Amino acid sequence: VQLVESGGGSVQPGESLKLSCAASGFTFGSSGMSWYRRAPGKERELVAGISSTGGSTNYADSVKGRFSISRDNAKNLVYLQMNSLKPEDTAVYYCKAEWASWGKMYDYWGQGTQVTVSS
């Protein structure tokens, strides 16, 4: 299983970034996907999640209306579009895959990509 995030960087407040997560080594179309983040000195938190088909999404209150999660099951990619970025969005962003098989839950994480929002 491999999850590789990309698209992070340094931007100014109000700007946008789009993160991508390339998945391989498992049945992507059967897996729920999520984006988490860990800010300096804070616990890792869920940012957004999307169901295996893309029909259901959920967001942290702090990003609702600004971030959008999507997926392309044909390309094994999941995205996080981040608009109107704020300094408090600064964090390492992680992609997570999870699925159930034979009654057991599996989850895997990517290495993370740094997002820095600063003027």
PDB file of N, CA and C in Angstrom:
ATOM      1  N   VAL A   1       0.854  -1.190   0.000  1.00  0.00           N
ATOM      2  CA  VAL A   1       0.000   0.000   0.000  1.00  0.00           C
ATOM      3  C   VAL A   1       0.889   1.239   0.000  1.00  0.00           C
ATOM      4  N   GLN A   2       0.553   2.160  -0.868  1.00  0.00           N
ATOM      5  CA  GLN A   2       1.320   3.402  -0.922  1.00  0.00           C
ATOM      6  C   GLN A   2       0.366   4.575  -1.139  1.00  0.00           C
ATOM      7  N   LEU A   3       0.564   5.602  -0.334  1.00  0.00           N
ATOM      8  CA  LEU A   3      -0.175   6.850  -0.468  1.00  0.00           C
ATOM      9  C   LEU A   3       0.855   7.967  -0.546  1.00  0.00           C
ATOM     10  N   VAL A   4       0.809   8.746  -1.613  1.00  0.00           N
ATOM     11  CA  VAL A   4       1.796   9.797  -1.824  1.00  0.00           C
ATOM     12  C   VAL A   4       1.074  11.122  -2.023  1.00  0.00           C
ATOM     13  N   GLU A   5       1.265  12.017  -1.051  1.00  0.00           N
ATOM     14  CA  GLU A   5       0.651  13.336  -1.133  1.00  0.00           C
ATOM     15  C   GLU A   5       1.548  14.295  -1.898  1.00  0.00           C
ATOM     16  N   SER A   6       0.915  15.250  -2.547  1.00  0.00           N
ATOM     17  CA  SER A   6       1.647  16.300  -3.243  1.00  0.00           C
ATOM     18  C   SER A   6       0.783  17.556  -3.296  1.00  0.00           C
ATOM     19  N   GLY A   7       1.413  18.657  -3.650  1.00  0.00           N
ATOM     20  CA  GLY A   7       0.667  19.902  -3.829  1.00  0.00           C
ATOM     21  C   GLY A   7       0.800  20.900  -2.702  1.00  0.00           C
ATOM     22  N   GLY A   8       1.489  20.514  -1.639  1.00  0.00           N
ATOM     23  CA  GLY A   8       1.673  21.449  -0.545  1.00  0.00           C
ATOM     24  C   GLY A   8       2.610  22.580  -0.933  1.00  0.00           C
ATOM     25  N   GLY A   9       2.697  23.557  -0.058  1.00  0.00           N
ATOM     26  CA  GLY A   9       3.574  24.679  -0.327  1.00  0.00           C
ATOM     27  C   GLY A   9       3.304  25.831   0.607  1.00  0.00           C
ATOM     28  N   SER A  10       3.895  26.969   0.285  1.00  0.00           N
ATOM     29  CA  SER A  10       3.721  28.183   1.082  1.00  0.00           C
ATOM     30  C   SER A  10       2.900  29.192   0.304  1.00  0.00           C
ATOM     31  N   VAL A  11       1.841  29.681   0.919  1.00  0.00           N
ATOM     32  CA  VAL A  11       0.965  30.649   0.272  1.00  0.00           C
ATOM     33  C   VAL A  11       0.616  31.751   1.259  1.00  0.00           C
ATOM     34  N   GLN A  12       0.040  32.808   0.717  1.00  0.00           N
ATOM     35  CA  GLN A  12      -0.416  33.904   1.567  1.00  0.00           C
ATOM     36  C   GLN A  12      -1.879  33.687   1.957  1.00  0.00           C
ATOM     37  N   PRO A  13      -2.308  34.309   3.047  1.00  0.00           N
ATOM     38  CA  PRO A  13      -3.724  34.190   3.441  1.00  0.00           C
ATOM     39  C   PRO A  13      -4.645  34.598   2.295  1.00  0.00           C
ATOM     40  N   GLY A  14      -5.712  33.821   2.137  1.00  0.00           N
ATOM     41  CA  GLY A  14      -6.678  34.093   1.085  1.00  0.00           C
ATOM     42  C   GLY A  14      -6.411  33.341  -0.201  1.00  0.00           C
ATOM     43  N   GLU A  15      -5.232  32.788  -0.338  1.00  0.00           N
ATOM     44  CA  GLU A  15      -4.902  32.051  -1.553  1.00  0.00           C
ATOM     45  C   GLU A  15      -5.397  30.604  -1.473  1.00  0.00           C
ATOM     46  N   SER A  16      -5.163  29.869  -2.564  1.00  0.00           N
ATOM     47  CA  SER A  16      -5.664  28.498  -2.673  1.00  0.00           C
ATOM     48  C   SER A  16      -4.530  27.521  -2.942  1.00  0.00           C
ATOM     49  N   LEU A  17      -4.769  26.289  -2.567  1.00  0.00           N
ATOM     50  CA  LEU A  17      -3.892  25.172  -2.892  1.00  0.00           C
ATOM     51  C   LEU A  17      -4.758  23.952  -3.155  1.00  0.00           C
ATOM     52  N   LYS A  18      -4.249  23.050  -3.997  1.00  0.00           N
ATOM     53  CA  LYS A  18      -4.941  21.790  -4.224  1.00  0.00           C
ATOM     54  C   LYS A  18      -3.978  20.661  -3.942  1.00  0.00           C
ATOM     55  N   LEU A  19      -4.319  19.866  -2.950  1.00  0.00           N
ATOM     56  CA  LEU A  19      -3.510  18.703  -2.599  1.00  0.00           C
ATOM     57  C   LEU A  19      -4.007  17.483  -3.367  1.00  0.00           C
ATOM     58  N   SER A  20      -3.076  16.614  -3.685  1.00  0.00           N
ATOM     59  CA  SER A  20      -3.412  15.349  -4.340  1.00  0.00           C
ATOM     60  C   SER A  20      -2.813  14.208  -3.537  1.00  0.00           C
ATOM     61  N   CYS A  21      -3.456  13.089  -3.601  1.00  0.00           N
ATOM     62  CA  CYS A  21      -2.949  11.871  -2.959  1.00  0.00           C
ATOM     63  C   CYS A  21      -3.072  10.747  -3.976  1.00  0.00           C
ATOM     64  N   ALA A  22      -1.942  10.197  -4.376  1.00  0.00           N
ATOM     65  CA  ALA A  22      -1.922   9.090  -5.327  1.00  0.00           C
ATOM     66  C   ALA A  22      -1.850   7.784  -4.557  1.00  0.00           C
ATOM     67  N   ALA A  23      -2.783   6.894  -4.838  1.00  0.00           N
ATOM     68  CA  ALA A  23      -2.887   5.642  -4.096  1.00  0.00           C
ATOM     69  C   ALA A  23      -2.540   4.458  -4.964  1.00  0.00           C
ATOM     70  N   SER A  24      -1.935   3.460  -4.341  1.00  0.00           N
ATOM     71  CA  SER A  24      -1.635   2.229  -5.057  1.00  0.00           C
ATOM     72  C   SER A  24      -1.512   1.081  -4.060  1.00  0.00           C
ATOM     73  N   GLY A  25      -1.666  -0.136  -4.569  1.00  0.00           N
ATOM     74  CA  GLY A  25      -1.462  -1.309  -3.733  1.00  0.00           C
ATOM     75  C   GLY A  25      -2.690  -1.829  -3.015  1.00  0.00           C
ATOM     76  N   PHE A  26      -3.843  -1.218  -3.294  1.00  0.00           N
ATOM     77  CA  PHE A  26      -5.085  -1.707  -2.703  1.00  0.00           C
ATOM     78  C   PHE A  26      -6.235  -1.319  -3.631  1.00  0.00           C
ATOM     79  N   THR A  27      -7.407  -1.803  -3.300  1.00  0.00           N
ATOM     80  CA  THR A  27      -8.577  -1.535  -4.141  1.00  0.00           C
ATOM     81  C   THR A  27      -9.125  -0.162  -3.802  1.00  0.00           C
ATOM     82  N   PHE A  28      -8.632   0.820  -4.514  1.00  0.00           N
ATOM     83  CA  PHE A  28      -8.953   2.214  -4.199  1.00  0.00           C
ATOM     84  C   PHE A  28     -10.455   2.467  -4.214  1.00  0.00           C
ATOM     85  N   GLY A  29     -11.127   1.926  -5.191  1.00  0.00           N
ATOM     86  CA  GLY A  29     -12.562   2.185  -5.340  1.00  0.00           C
ATOM     87  C   GLY A  29     -13.418   1.591  -4.245  1.00  0.00           C
ATOM     88  N   SER A  30     -12.829   0.800  -3.384  1.00  0.00           N
ATOM     89  CA  SER A  30     -13.571   0.215  -2.264  1.00  0.00           C
ATOM     90  C   SER A  30     -13.181   0.837  -0.933  1.00  0.00           C
ATOM     91  N   SER A  31     -12.413   1.892  -0.985  1.00  0.00           N
ATOM     92  CA  SER A  31     -11.854   2.467   0.239  1.00  0.00           C
ATOM     93  C   SER A  31     -12.367   3.867   0.512  1.00  0.00           C
ATOM     94  N   GLY A  32     -12.696   4.119   1.755  1.00  0.00           N
ATOM     95  CA  GLY A  32     -12.947   5.483   2.172  1.00  0.00           C
ATOM     96  C   GLY A  32     -11.620   6.215   2.259  1.00  0.00           C
ATOM     97  N   MET A  33     -11.629   7.483   1.907  1.00  0.00           N
ATOM     98  CA  MET A  33     -10.409   8.282   1.925  1.00  0.00           C
ATOM     99  C   MET A  33     -10.629   9.528   2.757  1.00  0.00           C
ATOM    100  N   SER A  34      -9.585   9.950   3.424  1.00  0.00           N
ATOM    101  CA  SER A  34      -9.686  11.128   4.279  1.00  0.00           C
ATOM    102  C   SER A  34      -8.426  11.955   4.181  1.00  0.00           C
ATOM    103  N   TRP A  35      -8.578  13.219   4.525  1.00  0.00           N
ATOM    104  CA  TRP A  35      -7.437  14.111   4.738  1.00  0.00           C
ATOM    105  C   TRP A  35      -7.430  14.512   6.208  1.00  0.00           C
ATOM    106  N   TYR A  36      -6.270  14.400   6.807  1.00  0.00           N
ATOM    107  CA  TYR A  36      -6.048  14.848   8.174  1.00  0.00           C
ATOM    108  C   TYR A  36      -4.947  15.910   8.137  1.00  0.00           C
ATOM    109  N   ARG A  37      -4.814  16.605   9.239  1.00  0.00           N
ATOM    110  CA  ARG A  37      -3.703  17.539   9.360  1.00  0.00           C
ATOM    111  C   ARG A  37      -3.202  17.585  10.799  1.00  0.00           C
ATOM    112  N   ARG A  38      -1.937  17.938  10.926  1.00  0.00           N
ATOM    113  CA  ARG A  38      -1.341  18.130  12.242  1.00  0.00           C
ATOM    114  C   ARG A  38      -0.597  19.452  12.242  1.00  0.00           C
ATOM    115  N   ALA A  39      -1.115  20.364  13.031  1.00  0.00           N
ATOM    116  CA  ALA A  39      -0.460  21.664  13.179  1.00  0.00           C
ATOM    117  C   ALA A  39       0.594  21.571  14.279  1.00  0.00           C
ATOM    118  N   PRO A  40       1.589  22.439  14.262  1.00  0.00           N
ATOM    119  CA  PRO A  40       2.634  22.402  15.285  1.00  0.00           C
ATOM    120  C   PRO A  40       2.037  22.470  16.686  1.00  0.00           C
ATOM    121  N   GLY A  41       2.410  21.510  17.524  1.00  0.00           N
ATOM    122  CA  GLY A  41       1.960  21.516  18.899  1.00  0.00           C
ATOM    123  C   GLY A  41       0.540  21.054  19.110  1.00  0.00           C
ATOM    124  N   LYS A  42      -0.104  20.559  18.055  1.00  0.00           N
ATOM    125  CA  LYS A  42      -1.490  20.128  18.175  1.00  0.00           C
ATOM    126  C   LYS A  42      -1.656  18.669  17.779  1.00  0.00           C
ATOM    127  N   GLU A  43      -2.807  18.107  18.155  1.00  0.00           N
ATOM    128  CA  GLU A  43      -3.129  16.746  17.772  1.00  0.00           C
ATOM    129  C   GLU A  43      -3.522  16.696  16.293  1.00  0.00           C
ATOM    130  N   ARG A  44      -3.337  15.540  15.700  1.00  0.00           N
ATOM    131  CA  ARG A  44      -3.787  15.361  14.324  1.00  0.00           C
ATOM    132  C   ARG A  44      -5.313  15.397  14.305  1.00  0.00           C
ATOM    133  N   GLU A  45      -5.886  16.085  13.316  1.00  0.00           N
ATOM    134  CA  GLU A  45      -7.335  16.219  13.259  1.00  0.00           C
ATOM    135  C   GLU A  45      -7.852  15.889  11.866  1.00  0.00           C
ATOM    136  N   LEU A  46      -9.067  15.388  11.833  1.00  0.00           N
ATOM    137  CA  LEU A  46      -9.718  15.109  10.560  1.00  0.00           C
ATOM    138  C   LEU A  46     -10.097  16.410   9.880  1.00  0.00           C
ATOM    139  N   VAL A  47      -9.760  16.536   8.613  1.00  0.00           N
ATOM    140  CA  VAL A  47     -10.121  17.711   7.822  1.00  0.00           C
ATOM    141  C   VAL A  47     -11.336  17.411   6.954  1.00  0.00           C
ATOM    142  N   ALA A  48     -11.267  16.308   6.224  1.00  0.00           N
ATOM    143  CA  ALA A  48     -12.367  15.957   5.316  1.00  0.00           C
ATOM    144  C   ALA A  48     -12.293  14.478   4.991  1.00  0.00           C
ATOM    145  N   GLY A  49     -13.449  13.895   4.715  1.00  0.00           N
ATOM    146  CA  GLY A  49     -13.507  12.498   4.334  1.00  0.00           C
ATOM    147  C   GLY A  49     -14.457  12.303   3.170  1.00  0.00           C
ATOM    148  N   ILE A  50     -14.246  11.239   2.425  1.00  0.00           N
ATOM    149  CA  ILE A  50     -15.100  10.949   1.275  1.00  0.00           C
ATOM    150  C   ILE A  50     -15.301   9.442   1.184  1.00  0.00           C
ATOM    151  N   SER A  51     -16.519   9.042   0.868  1.00  0.00           N
ATOM    152  CA  SER A  51     -16.842   7.623   0.777  1.00  0.00           C
ATOM    153  C   SER A  51     -16.210   7.007  -0.468  1.00  0.00           C
ATOM    154  N   SER A  52     -16.271   5.700  -0.546  1.00  0.00           N
ATOM    155  CA  SER A  52     -15.613   4.984  -1.644  1.00  0.00           C
ATOM    156  C   SER A  52     -16.129   5.399  -3.020  1.00  0.00           C
ATOM    157  N   THR A  53     -17.412   5.706  -3.097  1.00  0.00           N
ATOM    158  CA  THR A  53     -17.987   6.094  -4.385  1.00  0.00           C
ATOM    159  C   THR A  53     -17.923   7.598  -4.622  1.00  0.00           C
ATOM    160  N   GLY A  54     -17.593   8.332  -3.582  1.00  0.00           N
ATOM    161  CA  GLY A  54     -17.590   9.795  -3.678  1.00  0.00           C
ATOM    162  C   GLY A  54     -18.942  10.409  -3.404  1.00  0.00           C
ATOM    163  N   GLY A  55     -19.902   9.580  -3.074  1.00  0.00           N
ATOM    164  CA  GLY A  55     -21.259  10.084  -2.881  1.00  0.00           C
ATOM    165  C   GLY A  55     -21.497  10.763  -1.546  1.00  0.00           C
ATOM    166  N   SER A  56     -20.588  10.576  -0.626  1.00  0.00           N
ATOM    167  CA  SER A  56     -20.745  11.162   0.698  1.00  0.00           C
ATOM    168  C   SER A  56     -19.443  11.805   1.140  1.00  0.00           C
ATOM    169  N   THR A  57     -19.544  13.003   1.666  1.00  0.00           N
ATOM    170  CA  THR A  57     -18.373  13.710   2.162  1.00  0.00           C
ATOM    171  C   THR A  57     -18.679  14.302   3.538  1.00  0.00           C
ATOM    172  N   ASN A  58     -17.642  14.562   4.285  1.00  0.00           N
ATOM    173  CA  ASN A  58     -17.799  15.247   5.564  1.00  0.00           C
ATOM    174  C   ASN A  58     -16.592  16.133   5.798  1.00  0.00           C
ATOM    175  N   TYR A  59     -16.804  17.198   6.568  1.00  0.00           N
ATOM    176  CA  TYR A  59     -15.757  18.190   6.785  1.00  0.00           C
ATOM    177  C   TYR A  59     -15.709  18.629   8.238  1.00  0.00           C
ATOM    178  N   ALA A  60     -14.529  19.007   8.663  1.00  0.00           N
ATOM    179  CA  ALA A  60     -14.390  19.665   9.956  1.00  0.00           C
ATOM    180  C   ALA A  60     -15.069  21.025   9.868  1.00  0.00           C
ATOM    181  N   ASP A  61     -15.653  21.455  10.971  1.00  0.00           N
ATOM    182  CA  ASP A  61     -16.343  22.745  10.972  1.00  0.00           C
ATOM    183  C   ASP A  61     -15.416  23.881  10.544  1.00  0.00           C
ATOM    184  N   SER A  62     -14.158  23.764  10.905  1.00  0.00           N
ATOM    185  CA  SER A  62     -13.206  24.847  10.632  1.00  0.00           C
ATOM    186  C   SER A  62     -12.911  25.041   9.148  1.00  0.00           C
ATOM    187  N   VAL A  63     -13.248  24.063   8.315  1.00  0.00           N
ATOM    188  CA  VAL A  63     -12.938  24.173   6.881  1.00  0.00           C
ATOM    189  C   VAL A  63     -14.173  24.154   6.002  1.00  0.00           C
ATOM    190  N   LYS A  64     -15.343  23.971   6.592  1.00  0.00           N
ATOM    191  CA  LYS A  64     -16.572  23.916   5.797  1.00  0.00           C
ATOM    192  C   LYS A  64     -16.751  25.201   5.000  1.00  0.00           C
ATOM    193  N   GLY A  65     -17.087  25.033   3.729  1.00  0.00           N
ATOM    194  CA  GLY A  65     -17.266  26.187   2.860  1.00  0.00           C
ATOM    195  C   GLY A  65     -15.991  26.684   2.217  1.00  0.00           C
ATOM    196  N   ARG A  66     -14.848  26.210   2.697  1.00  0.00           N
ATOM    197  CA  ARG A  66     -13.562  26.641   2.123  1.00  0.00           C
ATOM    198  C   ARG A  66     -12.826  25.485   1.436  1.00  0.00           C
ATOM    199  N   PHE A  67     -12.941  24.292   1.996  1.00  0.00           N
ATOM    200  CA  PHE A  67     -12.238  23.121   1.463  1.00  0.00           C
ATOM    201  C   PHE A  67     -13.239  22.188   0.783  1.00  0.00           C
ATOM    202  N   SER A  68     -12.730  21.458  -0.203  1.00  0.00           N
ATOM    203  CA  SER A  68     -13.567  20.494  -0.898  1.00  0.00           C
ATOM    204  C   SER A  68     -12.758  19.234  -1.202  1.00  0.00           C
ATOM    205  N   ILE A  69     -13.285  18.088  -0.792  1.00  0.00           N
ATOM    206  CA  ILE A  69     -12.621  16.819  -1.063  1.00  0.00           C
ATOM    207  C   ILE A  69     -13.299  16.145  -2.247  1.00  0.00           C
ATOM    208  N   SER A  70     -12.508  15.512  -3.093  1.00  0.00           N
ATOM    209  CA  SER A  70     -13.053  14.786  -4.243  1.00  0.00           C
ATOM    210  C   SER A  70     -12.115  13.626  -4.567  1.00  0.00           C
ATOM    211  N   ARG A  71     -12.585  12.758  -5.432  1.00  0.00           N
ATOM    212  CA  ARG A  71     -11.756  11.602  -5.800  1.00  0.00           C
ATOM    213  C   ARG A  71     -12.012  11.219  -7.253  1.00  0.00           C
ATOM    214  N   ASP A  72     -11.017  10.587  -7.836  1.00  0.00           N
ATOM    215  CA  ASP A  72     -11.114  10.049  -9.189  1.00  0.00           C
ATOM    216  C   ASP A  72     -10.760   8.578  -9.109  1.00  0.00           C
ATOM    217  N   ASN A  73     -11.751   7.735  -9.080  1.00  0.00           N
ATOM    218  CA  ASN A  73     -11.496   6.305  -8.897  1.00  0.00           C
ATOM    219  C   ASN A  73     -10.836   5.668 -10.119  1.00  0.00           C
ATOM    220  N   ALA A  74     -10.941   6.304 -11.264  1.00  0.00           N
ATOM    221  CA  ALA A  74     -10.280   5.776 -12.457  1.00  0.00           C
ATOM    222  C   ALA A  74      -8.770   6.010 -12.404  1.00  0.00           C
ATOM    223  N   LYS A  75      -8.372   7.044 -11.665  1.00  0.00           N
ATOM    224  CA  LYS A  75      -6.942   7.396 -11.583  1.00  0.00           C
ATOM    225  C   LYS A  75      -6.347   7.108 -10.207  1.00  0.00           C
ATOM    226  N   ASN A  76      -7.150   6.585  -9.299  1.00  0.00           N
ATOM    227  CA  ASN A  76      -6.675   6.307  -7.937  1.00  0.00           C
ATOM    228  C   ASN A  76      -6.118   7.562  -7.270  1.00  0.00           C
ATOM    229  N   LEU A  77      -6.872   8.630  -7.383  1.00  0.00           N
ATOM    230  CA  LEU A  77      -6.453   9.896  -6.807  1.00  0.00           C
ATOM    231  C   LEU A  77      -7.553  10.469  -5.913  1.00  0.00           C
ATOM    232  N   VAL A  78      -7.139  11.110  -4.849  1.00  0.00           N
ATOM    233  CA  VAL A  78      -8.045  11.883  -4.018  1.00  0.00           C
ATOM    234  C   VAL A  78      -7.454  13.278  -3.881  1.00  0.00           C
ATOM    235  N   TYR A  79      -8.342  14.265  -3.868  1.00  0.00           N
ATOM    236  CA  TYR A  79      -7.909  15.656  -3.863  1.00  0.00           C
ATOM    237  C   TYR A  79      -8.470  16.396  -2.654  1.00  0.00           C
ATOM    238  N   LEU A  80      -7.780  17.471  -2.308  1.00  0.00           N
ATOM    239  CA  LEU A  80      -8.318  18.408  -1.335  1.00  0.00           C
ATOM    240  C   LEU A  80      -8.086  19.807  -1.890  1.00  0.00           C
ATOM    241  N   GLN A  81      -9.169  20.430  -2.334  1.00  0.00           N
ATOM    242  CA  GLN A  81      -9.105  21.804  -2.798  1.00  0.00           C
ATOM    243  C   GLN A  81      -9.279  22.718  -1.616  1.00  0.00           C
ATOM    244  N   MET A  82      -8.296  23.578  -1.389  1.00  0.00           N
ATOM    245  CA  MET A  82      -8.313  24.457  -0.224  1.00  0.00           C
ATOM    246  C   MET A  82      -8.338  25.899  -0.703  1.00  0.00           C
ATOM    247  N   ASN A  83      -9.420  26.582  -0.414  1.00  0.00           N
ATOM    248  CA  ASN A  83      -9.581  27.981  -0.791  1.00  0.00           C
ATOM    249  C   ASN A  83      -9.608  28.867   0.447  1.00  0.00           C
ATOM    250  N   SER A  84      -9.406  30.131   0.233  1.00  0.00           N
ATOM    251  CA  SER A  84      -9.446  31.117   1.322  1.00  0.00           C
ATOM    252  C   SER A  84      -8.618  30.652   2.512  1.00  0.00           C
ATOM    253  N   LEU A  85      -7.404  30.270   2.230  1.00  0.00           N
ATOM    254  CA  LEU A  85      -6.555  29.713   3.282  1.00  0.00           C
ATOM    255  C   LEU A  85      -6.242  30.745   4.356  1.00  0.00           C
ATOM    256  N   LYS A  86      -6.149  30.246   5.580  1.00  0.00           N
ATOM    257  CA  LYS A  86      -5.875  31.085   6.745  1.00  0.00           C
ATOM    258  C   LYS A  86      -4.575  30.607   7.405  1.00  0.00           C
ATOM    259  N   PRO A  87      -3.936  31.473   8.165  1.00  0.00           N
ATOM    260  CA  PRO A  87      -2.715  31.035   8.867  1.00  0.00           C
ATOM    261  C   PRO A  87      -2.958  29.801   9.745  1.00  0.00           C
ATOM    262  N   GLU A  88      -4.138  29.678  10.300  1.00  0.00           N
ATOM    263  CA  GLU A  88      -4.428  28.516  11.160  1.00  0.00           C
ATOM    264  C   GLU A  88      -4.590  27.220  10.371  1.00  0.00           C
ATOM    265  N   ASP A  89      -4.565  27.289   9.051  1.00  0.00           N
ATOM    266  CA  ASP A  89      -4.565  26.084   8.229  1.00  0.00           C
ATOM    267  C   ASP A  89      -3.158  25.510   8.060  1.00  0.00           C
ATOM    268  N   THR A  90      -2.165  26.226   8.552  1.00  0.00           N
ATOM    269  CA  THR A  90      -0.796  25.745   8.470  1.00  0.00           C
ATOM    270  C   THR A  90      -0.651  24.430   9.217  1.00  0.00           C
ATOM    271  N   ALA A  91      -0.165  23.418   8.514  1.00  0.00           N
ATOM    272  CA  ALA A  91      -0.065  22.083   9.105  1.00  0.00           C
ATOM    273  C   ALA A  91       0.571  21.141   8.085  1.00  0.00           C
ATOM    274  N   VAL A  92       0.908  19.971   8.555  1.00  0.00           N
ATOM    275  CA  VAL A  92       1.234  18.876   7.649  1.00  0.00           C
ATOM    276  C   VAL A  92      -0.073  18.142   7.362  1.00  0.00           C
ATOM    277  N   TYR A  93      -0.358  17.958   6.089  1.00  0.00           N
ATOM    278  CA  TYR A  93      -1.601  17.317   5.668  1.00  0.00           C
ATOM    279  C   TYR A  93      -1.319  15.882   5.235  1.00  0.00           C
ATOM    280  N   TYR A  94      -2.125  14.969   5.760  1.00  0.00           N
ATOM    281  CA  TYR A  94      -1.943  13.544   5.519  1.00  0.00           C
ATOM    282  C   TYR A  94      -3.166  12.955   4.823  1.00  0.00           C
ATOM    283  N   CYS A  95      -2.898  12.039   3.944  1.00  0.00           N
ATOM    284  CA  CYS A  95      -3.934  11.269   3.269  1.00  0.00           C
ATOM    285  C   CYS A  95      -4.072   9.925   3.996  1.00  0.00           C
ATOM    286  N   LYS A  96      -5.306   9.496   4.170  1.00  0.00           N
ATOM    287  CA  LYS A  96      -5.554   8.218   4.843  1.00  0.00           C
ATOM    288  C   LYS A  96      -6.531   7.394   4.028  1.00  0.00           C
ATOM    289  N   ALA A  97      -6.246   6.106   3.922  1.00  0.00           N
ATOM    290  CA  ALA A  97      -7.158   5.160   3.284  1.00  0.00           C
ATOM    291  C   ALA A  97      -7.639   4.171   4.318  1.00  0.00           C
ATOM    292  N   GLU A  98      -8.901   3.778   4.238  1.00  0.00           N
ATOM    293  CA  GLU A  98      -9.401   2.785   5.178  1.00  0.00           C
ATOM    294  C   GLU A  98     -10.474   1.923   4.510  1.00  0.00           C
ATOM    295  N   TRP A  99     -10.468   0.674   4.885  1.00  0.00           N
ATOM    296  CA  TRP A  99     -11.462  -0.245   4.352  1.00  0.00           C
ATOM    297  C   TRP A  99     -11.632  -1.416   5.295  1.00  0.00           C
ATOM    298  N   ALA A 100     -12.699  -2.129   5.103  1.00  0.00           N
ATOM    299  CA  ALA A 100     -12.987  -3.304   5.915  1.00  0.00           C
ATOM    300  C   ALA A 100     -12.870  -4.548   5.047  1.00  0.00           C
ATOM    301  N   SER A 101     -12.287  -5.584   5.619  1.00  0.00           N
ATOM    302  CA  SER A 101     -12.149  -6.850   4.907  1.00  0.00           C
ATOM    303  C   SER A 101     -12.251  -7.992   5.898  1.00  0.00           C
ATOM    304  N   TRP A 102     -13.203  -8.866   5.669  1.00  0.00           N
ATOM    305  CA  TRP A 102     -13.396 -10.027   6.537  1.00  0.00           C
ATOM    306  C   TRP A 102     -13.524  -9.614   7.994  1.00  0.00           C
ATOM    307  N   GLY A 103     -14.272  -8.542   8.217  1.00  0.00           N
ATOM    308  CA  GLY A 103     -14.561  -8.106   9.574  1.00  0.00           C
ATOM    309  C   GLY A 103     -13.454  -7.323  10.248  1.00  0.00           C
ATOM    310  N   LYS A 104     -12.400  -7.044   9.529  1.00  0.00           N
ATOM    311  CA  LYS A 104     -11.279  -6.313  10.112  1.00  0.00           C
ATOM    312  C   LYS A 104     -11.109  -4.989   9.371  1.00  0.00           C
ATOM    313  N   MET A 105     -10.816  -3.941  10.135  1.00  0.00           N
ATOM    314  CA  MET A 105     -10.586  -2.631   9.548  1.00  0.00           C
ATOM    315  C   MET A 105      -9.103  -2.445   9.250  1.00  0.00           C
ATOM    316  N   TYR A 106      -8.827  -1.842   8.118  1.00  0.00           N
ATOM    317  CA  TYR A 106      -7.457  -1.526   7.733  1.00  0.00           C
ATOM    318  C   TYR A 106      -7.363  -0.024   7.470  1.00  0.00           C
ATOM    319  N   ASP A 107      -6.267   0.573   7.866  1.00  0.00           N
ATOM    320  CA  ASP A 107      -6.047   1.959   7.513  1.00  0.00           C
ATOM    321  C   ASP A 107      -4.560   2.196   7.266  1.00  0.00           C
ATOM    322  N   TYR A 108      -4.291   3.032   6.289  1.00  0.00           N
ATOM    323  CA  TYR A 108      -2.925   3.366   5.902  1.00  0.00           C
ATOM    324  C   TYR A 108      -2.811   4.876   5.726  1.00  0.00           C
ATOM    325  N   TRP A 109      -1.606   5.371   5.984  1.00  0.00           N
ATOM    326  CA  TRP A 109      -1.349   6.804   5.932  1.00  0.00           C
ATOM    327  C   TRP A 109      -0.235   7.122   4.945  1.00  0.00           C
ATOM    328  N   GLY A 110      -0.339   8.302   4.370  1.00  0.00           N
ATOM    329  CA  GLY A 110       0.754   8.816   3.578  1.00  0.00           C
ATOM    330  C   GLY A 110       1.774   9.500   4.461  1.00  0.00           C
ATOM    331  N   GLN A 111       2.833  10.020   3.844  1.00  0.00           N
ATOM    332  CA  GLN A 111       3.923  10.650   4.583  1.00  0.00           C
ATOM    333  C   GLN A 111       3.618  12.102   4.935  1.00  0.00           C
ATOM    334  N   GLY A 112       2.682  12.691   4.251  1.00  0.00           N
ATOM    335  CA  GLY A 112       2.290  14.061   4.556  1.00  0.00           C
ATOM    336  C   GLY A 112       2.923  15.079   3.623  1.00  0.00           C
ATOM    337  N   THR A 113       2.248  16.212   3.510  1.00  0.00           N
ATOM    338  CA  THR A 113       2.766  17.336   2.733  1.00  0.00           C
ATOM    339  C   THR A 113       2.529  18.617   3.526  1.00  0.00           C
ATOM    340  N   GLN A 114       3.534  19.470   3.564  1.00  0.00           N
ATOM    341  CA  GLN A 114       3.477  20.676   4.379  1.00  0.00           C
ATOM    342  C   GLN A 114       2.701  21.779   3.668  1.00  0.00           C
ATOM    343  N   VAL A 115       1.792  22.393   4.399  1.00  0.00           N
ATOM    344  CA  VAL A 115       1.081  23.583   3.925  1.00  0.00           C
ATOM    345  C   VAL A 115       1.362  24.705   4.914  1.00  0.00           C
ATOM    346  N   THR A 116       1.879  25.798   4.410  1.00  0.00           N
ATOM    347  CA  THR A 116       2.183  26.949   5.239  1.00  0.00           C
ATOM    348  C   THR A 116       1.455  28.166   4.693  1.00  0.00           C
ATOM    349  N   VAL A 117       0.674  28.806   5.560  1.00  0.00           N
ATOM    350  CA  VAL A 117      -0.081  29.992   5.167  1.00  0.00           C
ATOM    351  C   VAL A 117       0.422  31.155   6.015  1.00  0.00           C
ATOM    352  N   SER A 118       1.064  32.091   5.357  1.00  0.00           N
ATOM    353  CA  SER A 118       1.686  33.189   6.094  1.00  0.00           C
ATOM    354  C   SER A 118       1.838  34.395   5.188  1.00  0.00           C
ATOM    355  N   SER A 119       1.697  35.566   5.791  1.00  0.00           N
ATOM    356  CA  SER A 119       1.901  36.791   5.029  1.00  0.00           C
ATOM    357  C   SER A 119       3.343  37.280   5.185  1.00  0.00           C
TER     358      SER A 119
END
